[in-house]
Amino acid sequence: MLLKKQTVWLLTMVSLVVVLSVFYITSPLKPSDEYALMTSEEEKAKGQDTASQEGVEVSIEEMADGTVASGISSDDYFTALRMEIDDQRAQAKEELQAIVASSDVTAEKRSEALDKMEDLQTFQAKEAILETMILANENYAEALVKAEENQVKVIVKAKELTSTAANEIMRLVRDELGPTKVAVEVQPIK
């Protein structure tokens, strides 16, 4: 019985990849106003600090000085972001599990908590699929996708990111997650 479930799951995933690949190849590339491409330099010029937005402690003064570009190396940057995202999701999952396990909560609130837990798992699965699809392009050394309810942030490590390449990433995100705002950031390879 378990073998049949695994086989069905595997065939479902393979067919999903095939359908997405066909859709990716046949769909036209259309840039949209809902998307944003920001390089690290543009964010610094706007006074934004990506690392501090993601919880890594780097002050804006350090970034403005030009003395310290980042408190962590580029390789550690993706690891730190992934760990932070995992920590946030684990904490949210624990809170939702506490709601589900509580006897003082109504059935409606439990149902909402279960739905939110399912949404978290769905976001994680779709993020993993998107990261795999982005990394399939050999121009990217690393990719991180952080999906939230109203925005998706994609960070890629590459020598350069053209507008065409950014639009392809945005289209992948749109195809996987539906219409949502997408921000693509580039971490340059040194």
C-alpha atoms as a PDB file:
ATOM      1  CA  MET A   1       0.000   0.000   0.000  1.00  0.00           C
ATOM      2  CA  LEU A   2       2.821   2.390   0.921  1.00  0.00           C
ATOM      3  CA  LEU A   3       4.622   1.623  -2.323  1.00  0.00           C
ATOM      4  CA  LYS A   4       1.521   2.555  -4.337  1.00  0.00           C
ATOM      5  CA  LYS A   5       1.223   5.893  -2.510  1.00  0.00           C
ATOM      6  CA  GLN A   6       4.873   6.663  -3.202  1.00  0.00           C
ATOM      7  CA  THR A   7       4.456   5.734  -6.845  1.00  0.00           C
ATOM      8  CA  VAL A   8       1.375   7.938  -7.203  1.00  0.00           C
ATOM      9  CA  TRP A   9       3.200  10.809  -5.497  1.00  0.00           C
ATOM     10  CA  LEU A  10       6.243  10.388  -7.740  1.00  0.00           C
ATOM     11  CA  LEU A  11       4.138  10.256 -10.910  1.00  0.00           C
ATOM     12  CA  THR A  12       2.213  13.346  -9.780  1.00  0.00           C
ATOM     13  CA  MET A  13       5.413  15.308  -9.211  1.00  0.00           C
ATOM     14  CA  VAL A  14       6.922  14.196 -12.526  1.00  0.00           C
ATOM     15  CA  SER A  15       3.763  15.187 -14.393  1.00  0.00           C
ATOM     16  CA  LEU A  16       3.770  18.553 -12.603  1.00  0.00           C
ATOM     17  CA  VAL A  17       7.345  19.187 -13.732  1.00  0.00           C
ATOM     18  CA  VAL A  18       6.458  18.220 -17.312  1.00  0.00           C
ATOM     19  CA  VAL A  19       3.398  20.495 -17.357  1.00  0.00           C
ATOM     20  CA  LEU A  20       5.372  23.392 -15.901  1.00  0.00           C
ATOM     21  CA  SER A  21       8.185  22.834 -18.392  1.00  0.00           C
ATOM     22  CA  VAL A  22       5.797  22.849 -21.346  1.00  0.00           C
ATOM     23  CA  PHE A  23       4.066  25.951 -20.021  1.00  0.00           C
ATOM     24  CA  TYR A  24       7.417  27.652 -19.415  1.00  0.00           C
ATOM     25  CA  ILE A  25       8.627  26.918 -22.936  1.00  0.00           C
ATOM     26  CA  THR A  26       5.412  27.896 -24.719  1.00  0.00           C
ATOM     27  CA  SER A  27       4.331  30.973 -22.734  1.00  0.00           C
ATOM     28  CA  PRO A  28       5.356  34.384 -24.053  1.00  0.00           C
ATOM     29  CA  LEU A  29       7.525  36.621 -21.926  1.00  0.00           C
ATOM     30  CA  LYS A  30       5.533  39.668 -20.793  1.00  0.00           C
ATOM     31  CA  PRO A  31       7.004  42.221 -18.392  1.00  0.00           C
ATOM     32  CA  SER A  32       4.519  43.739 -15.975  1.00  0.00           C
ATOM     33  CA  ASP A  33       4.291  46.815 -13.771  1.00  0.00           C
ATOM     34  CA  GLU A  34       3.695  44.591 -10.742  1.00  0.00           C
ATOM     35  CA  TYR A  35       7.303  43.430 -10.699  1.00  0.00           C
ATOM     36  CA  ALA A  36      10.454  45.084  -9.469  1.00  0.00           C
ATOM     37  CA  LEU A  37      14.073  44.375 -10.223  1.00  0.00           C
ATOM     38  CA  MET A  38      16.423  45.810  -7.654  1.00  0.00           C
ATOM     39  CA  THR A  39      20.147  45.422  -7.557  1.00  0.00           C
ATOM     40  CA  SER A  40      22.064  45.791  -4.337  1.00  0.00           C
ATOM     41  CA  GLU A  41      23.352  49.187  -5.473  1.00  0.00           C
ATOM     42  CA  GLU A  42      19.817  50.506  -6.081  1.00  0.00           C
ATOM     43  CA  GLU A  43      18.708  49.375  -2.630  1.00  0.00           C
ATOM     44  CA  LYS A  44      21.712  51.075  -1.039  1.00  0.00           C
ATOM     45  CA  ALA A  45      20.959  54.261  -2.989  1.00  0.00           C
ATOM     46  CA  LYS A  46      17.402  54.209  -1.679  1.00  0.00           C
ATOM     47  CA  GLY A  47      18.723  53.822   1.860  1.00  0.00           C
ATOM     48  CA  GLN A  48      17.472  50.265   2.184  1.00  0.00           C
ATOM     49  CA  ASP A  49      19.602  47.573   3.665  1.00  0.00           C
ATOM     50  CA  THR A  50      18.589  44.141   2.446  1.00  0.00           C
ATOM     51  CA  ALA A  51      20.517  42.309   5.115  1.00  0.00           C
ATOM     52  CA  SER A  52      18.896  44.245   7.931  1.00  0.00           C
ATOM     53  CA  GLN A  53      15.472  43.771   6.329  1.00  0.00           C
ATOM     54  CA  GLU A  54      16.017  40.053   6.544  1.00  0.00           C
ATOM     55  CA  GLY A  55      17.167  40.161  10.158  1.00  0.00           C
ATOM     56  CA  VAL A  56      20.908  39.957   9.667  1.00  0.00           C
ATOM     57  CA  GLU A  57      22.476  42.608  11.853  1.00  0.00           C
ATOM     58  CA  VAL A  58      24.234  45.106   9.580  1.00  0.00           C
ATOM     59  CA  SER A  59      23.654  48.781  10.203  1.00  0.00           C
ATOM     60  CA  ILE A  60      22.829  51.288   7.471  1.00  0.00           C
ATOM     61  CA  GLU A  61      25.721  53.517   8.551  1.00  0.00           C
ATOM     62  CA  GLU A  62      28.158  50.749   7.793  1.00  0.00           C
ATOM     63  CA  MET A  63      26.628  50.308   4.379  1.00  0.00           C
ATOM     64  CA  ALA A  64      26.647  54.061   3.645  1.00  0.00           C
ATOM     65  CA  ASP A  65      30.314  54.409   4.667  1.00  0.00           C
ATOM     66  CA  GLY A  66      31.367  51.918   2.102  1.00  0.00           C
ATOM     67  CA  THR A  67      33.767  50.546   4.704  1.00  0.00           C
ATOM     68  CA  VAL A  68      31.794  47.381   5.297  1.00  0.00           C
ATOM     69  CA  ALA A  69      29.601  46.191   2.465  1.00  0.00           C
ATOM     70  CA  SER A  70      28.147  43.328   4.437  1.00  0.00           C
ATOM     71  CA  GLY A  71      28.656  41.787   7.840  1.00  0.00           C
ATOM     72  CA  ILE A  72      28.694  38.310   6.324  1.00  0.00           C
ATOM     73  CA  SER A  73      30.165  36.744   3.231  1.00  0.00           C
ATOM     74  CA  SER A  74      28.036  36.188   0.148  1.00  0.00           C
ATOM     75  CA  ASP A  75      27.991  32.404   0.665  1.00  0.00           C
ATOM     76  CA  ASP A  76      26.933  32.792   4.286  1.00  0.00           C
ATOM     77  CA  TYR A  77      24.303  35.346   3.279  1.00  0.00           C
ATOM     78  CA  PHE A  78      22.067  32.720   1.671  1.00  0.00           C
ATOM     79  CA  THR A  79      22.602  30.302   4.548  1.00  0.00           C
ATOM     80  CA  ALA A  80      21.725  32.987   7.102  1.00  0.00           C
ATOM     81  CA  LEU A  81      18.578  33.963   5.188  1.00  0.00           C
ATOM     82  CA  ARG A  82      17.468  30.341   4.873  1.00  0.00           C
ATOM     83  CA  MET A  83      18.037  29.757   8.580  1.00  0.00           C
ATOM     84  CA  GLU A  84      16.055  32.875   9.463  1.00  0.00           C
ATOM     85  CA  ILE A  85      13.171  31.877   7.191  1.00  0.00           C
ATOM     86  CA  ASP A  86      13.185  28.366   8.659  1.00  0.00           C
ATOM     87  CA  ASP A  87      13.175  29.782  12.201  1.00  0.00           C
ATOM     88  CA  GLN A  88      10.264  32.112  11.427  1.00  0.00           C
ATOM     89  CA  ARG A  89       8.270  29.305   9.835  1.00  0.00           C
ATOM     90  CA  ALA A  90       9.029  26.907  12.685  1.00  0.00           C
ATOM     91  CA  GLN A  91       7.848  29.495  15.201  1.00  0.00           C
ATOM     92  CA  ALA A  92       4.670  30.167  13.219  1.00  0.00           C
ATOM     93  CA  LYS A  93       4.047  26.424  12.914  1.00  0.00           C
ATOM     94  CA  GLU A  94       4.488  25.964  16.683  1.00  0.00           C
ATOM     95  CA  GLU A  95       2.013  28.754  17.372  1.00  0.00           C
ATOM     96  CA  LEU A  96      -0.510  27.213  14.983  1.00  0.00           C
ATOM     97  CA  GLN A  97       0.007  23.758  16.480  1.00  0.00           C
ATOM     98  CA  ALA A  98      -0.609  25.218  19.933  1.00  0.00           C
ATOM     99  CA  ILE A  99      -3.908  26.648  18.692  1.00  0.00           C
ATOM    100  CA  VAL A 100      -4.912  23.304  17.199  1.00  0.00           C
ATOM    101  CA  ALA A 101      -3.963  21.419  20.376  1.00  0.00           C
ATOM    102  CA  SER A 102      -5.744  23.839  22.720  1.00  0.00           C
ATOM    103  CA  SER A 103      -9.047  22.709  24.155  1.00  0.00           C
ATOM    104  CA  ASP A 104     -10.142  26.320  24.718  1.00  0.00           C
ATOM    105  CA  VAL A 105     -10.258  27.127  21.005  1.00  0.00           C
ATOM    106  CA  THR A 106     -13.368  26.856  18.854  1.00  0.00           C
ATOM    107  CA  ALA A 107     -13.550  24.436  15.946  1.00  0.00           C
ATOM    108  CA  GLU A 108     -13.534  27.380  13.536  1.00  0.00           C
ATOM    109  CA  LYS A 109     -10.237  28.731  14.930  1.00  0.00           C
ATOM    110  CA  ARG A 110      -8.708  25.237  14.776  1.00  0.00           C
ATOM    111  CA  SER A 111      -9.787  24.942  11.168  1.00  0.00           C
ATOM    112  CA  GLU A 112      -8.230  28.331  10.371  1.00  0.00           C
ATOM    113  CA  ALA A 113      -4.998  27.286  12.100  1.00  0.00           C
ATOM    114  CA  LEU A 114      -4.909  24.038  10.119  1.00  0.00           C
ATOM    115  CA  ASP A 115      -5.493  25.976   6.895  1.00  0.00           C
ATOM    116  CA  LYS A 116      -2.628  28.338   7.746  1.00  0.00           C
ATOM    117  CA  MET A 117      -0.352  25.367   8.494  1.00  0.00           C
ATOM    118  CA  GLU A 118      -1.254  23.906   5.112  1.00  0.00           C
ATOM    119  CA  ASP A 119      -0.530  27.274   3.451  1.00  0.00           C
ATOM    120  CA  LEU A 120       2.909  27.362   5.111  1.00  0.00           C
ATOM    121  CA  GLN A 121       3.706  23.906   3.781  1.00  0.00           C
ATOM    122  CA  THR A 122       2.447  24.877   0.333  1.00  0.00           C
ATOM    123  CA  PHE A 123       4.608  28.023   0.307  1.00  0.00           C
ATOM    124  CA  GLN A 124       7.651  25.996   1.347  1.00  0.00           C
ATOM    125  CA  ALA A 125       7.080  23.417  -1.382  1.00  0.00           C
ATOM    126  CA  LYS A 126       6.538  26.054  -4.054  1.00  0.00           C
ATOM    127  CA  GLU A 127       9.632  27.969  -2.911  1.00  0.00           C
ATOM    128  CA  ALA A 128      11.697  24.799  -3.241  1.00  0.00           C
ATOM    129  CA  ILE A 129      10.308  24.141  -6.724  1.00  0.00           C
ATOM    130  CA  LEU A 130      11.041  27.719  -7.804  1.00  0.00           C
ATOM    131  CA  GLU A 131      14.589  27.596  -6.415  1.00  0.00           C
ATOM    132  CA  THR A 132      15.213  24.359  -8.308  1.00  0.00           C
ATOM    133  CA  MET A 133      13.814  25.820 -11.525  1.00  0.00           C
ATOM    134  CA  ILE A 134      15.919  28.989 -11.156  1.00  0.00           C
ATOM    135  CA  LEU A 135      19.079  27.013 -10.391  1.00  0.00           C
ATOM    136  CA  ALA A 136      18.459  24.901 -13.502  1.00  0.00           C
ATOM    137  CA  ASN A 137      19.778  27.946 -15.356  1.00  0.00           C
ATOM    138  CA  GLU A 138      23.546  27.669 -15.107  1.00  0.00           C
ATOM    139  CA  ASN A 139      23.947  31.459 -14.872  1.00  0.00           C
ATOM    140  CA  TYR A 140      22.934  31.381 -11.207  1.00  0.00           C
ATOM    141  CA  ALA A 141      25.237  30.081  -8.481  1.00  0.00           C
ATOM    142  CA  GLU A 142      22.592  30.328  -5.739  1.00  0.00           C
ATOM    143  CA  ALA A 143      18.920  31.224  -5.449  1.00  0.00           C
ATOM    144  CA  LEU A 144      16.568  31.930  -2.572  1.00  0.00           C
ATOM    145  CA  VAL A 145      12.811  32.409  -2.838  1.00  0.00           C
ATOM    146  CA  LYS A 146      10.812  33.821   0.062  1.00  0.00           C
ATOM    147  CA  ALA A 147       7.074  33.717  -0.553  1.00  0.00           C
ATOM    148  CA  GLU A 148       4.771  35.702   1.671  1.00  0.00           C
ATOM    149  CA  GLU A 149       1.061  36.313   1.372  1.00  0.00           C
ATOM    150  CA  ASN A 150       1.351  39.506  -0.688  1.00  0.00           C
ATOM    151  CA  GLN A 151       4.890  39.483  -2.116  1.00  0.00           C
ATOM    152  CA  VAL A 152       7.624  37.155  -3.277  1.00  0.00           C
ATOM    153  CA  LYS A 153      11.282  38.057  -2.905  1.00  0.00           C
ATOM    154  CA  VAL A 154      13.809  36.267  -5.094  1.00  0.00           C
ATOM    155  CA  ILE A 155      17.539  36.640  -4.456  1.00  0.00           C
ATOM    156  CA  VAL A 156      19.958  35.196  -6.980  1.00  0.00           C
ATOM    157  CA  LYS A 157      23.728  35.019  -6.941  1.00  0.00           C
ATOM    158  CA  ALA A 158      25.027  35.739 -10.412  1.00  0.00           C
ATOM    159  CA  LYS A 159      27.719  37.611 -12.311  1.00  0.00           C
ATOM    160  CA  GLU A 160      25.014  39.848 -13.728  1.00  0.00           C
ATOM    161  CA  LEU A 161      21.265  39.872 -14.119  1.00  0.00           C
ATOM    162  CA  THR A 162      19.775  41.306 -17.264  1.00  0.00           C
ATOM    163  CA  SER A 163      16.225  42.588 -17.474  1.00  0.00           C
ATOM    164  CA  THR A 164      15.343  39.611 -19.657  1.00  0.00           C
ATOM    165  CA  ALA A 165      16.681  37.159 -17.087  1.00  0.00           C
ATOM    166  CA  ALA A 166      14.848  38.985 -14.294  1.00  0.00           C
ATOM    167  CA  ASN A 167      11.618  38.855 -16.312  1.00  0.00           C
ATOM    168  CA  GLU A 168      12.092  35.102 -16.796  1.00  0.00           C
ATOM    169  CA  ILE A 169      12.445  34.664 -13.026  1.00  0.00           C
ATOM    170  CA  MET A 170       9.375  36.814 -12.445  1.00  0.00           C
ATOM    171  CA  ARG A 171       7.402  34.780 -14.968  1.00  0.00           C
ATOM    172  CA  LEU A 172       8.430  31.553 -13.244  1.00  0.00           C
ATOM    173  CA  VAL A 173       7.202  32.946  -9.936  1.00  0.00           C
ATOM    174  CA  ARG A 174       3.939  34.141 -11.468  1.00  0.00           C
ATOM    175  CA  ASP A 175       3.367  30.774 -13.123  1.00  0.00           C
ATOM    176  CA  GLU A 176       3.945  28.913  -9.873  1.00  0.00           C
ATOM    177  CA  LEU A 177       2.294  31.255  -7.354  1.00  0.00           C
ATOM    178  CA  GLY A 178      -0.201  33.206  -9.438  1.00  0.00           C
ATOM    179  CA  PRO A 179      -0.463  36.983  -9.728  1.00  0.00           C
ATOM    180  CA  THR A 180       1.658  38.515  -6.975  1.00  0.00           C
ATOM    181  CA  LYS A 181       4.262  41.211  -6.598  1.00  0.00           C
ATOM    182  CA  VAL A 182       7.793  39.975  -7.198  1.00  0.00           C
ATOM    183  CA  ALA A 183      11.085  41.589  -6.228  1.00  0.00           C
ATOM    184  CA  VAL A 184      14.284  40.185  -7.720  1.00  0.00           C
ATOM    185  CA  GLU A 185      17.594  41.042  -6.076  1.00  0.00           C
ATOM    186  CA  VAL A 186      21.082  40.217  -7.307  1.00  0.00           C
ATOM    187  CA  GLN A 187      24.003  39.244  -5.116  1.00  0.00           C
ATOM    188  CA  PRO A 188      27.061  39.568  -7.370  1.00  0.00           C
ATOM    189  CA  ILE A 189      29.568  36.760  -7.677  1.00  0.00           C
ATOM    190  CA  LYS A 190      32.978  38.032  -6.675  1.00  0.00           C
END
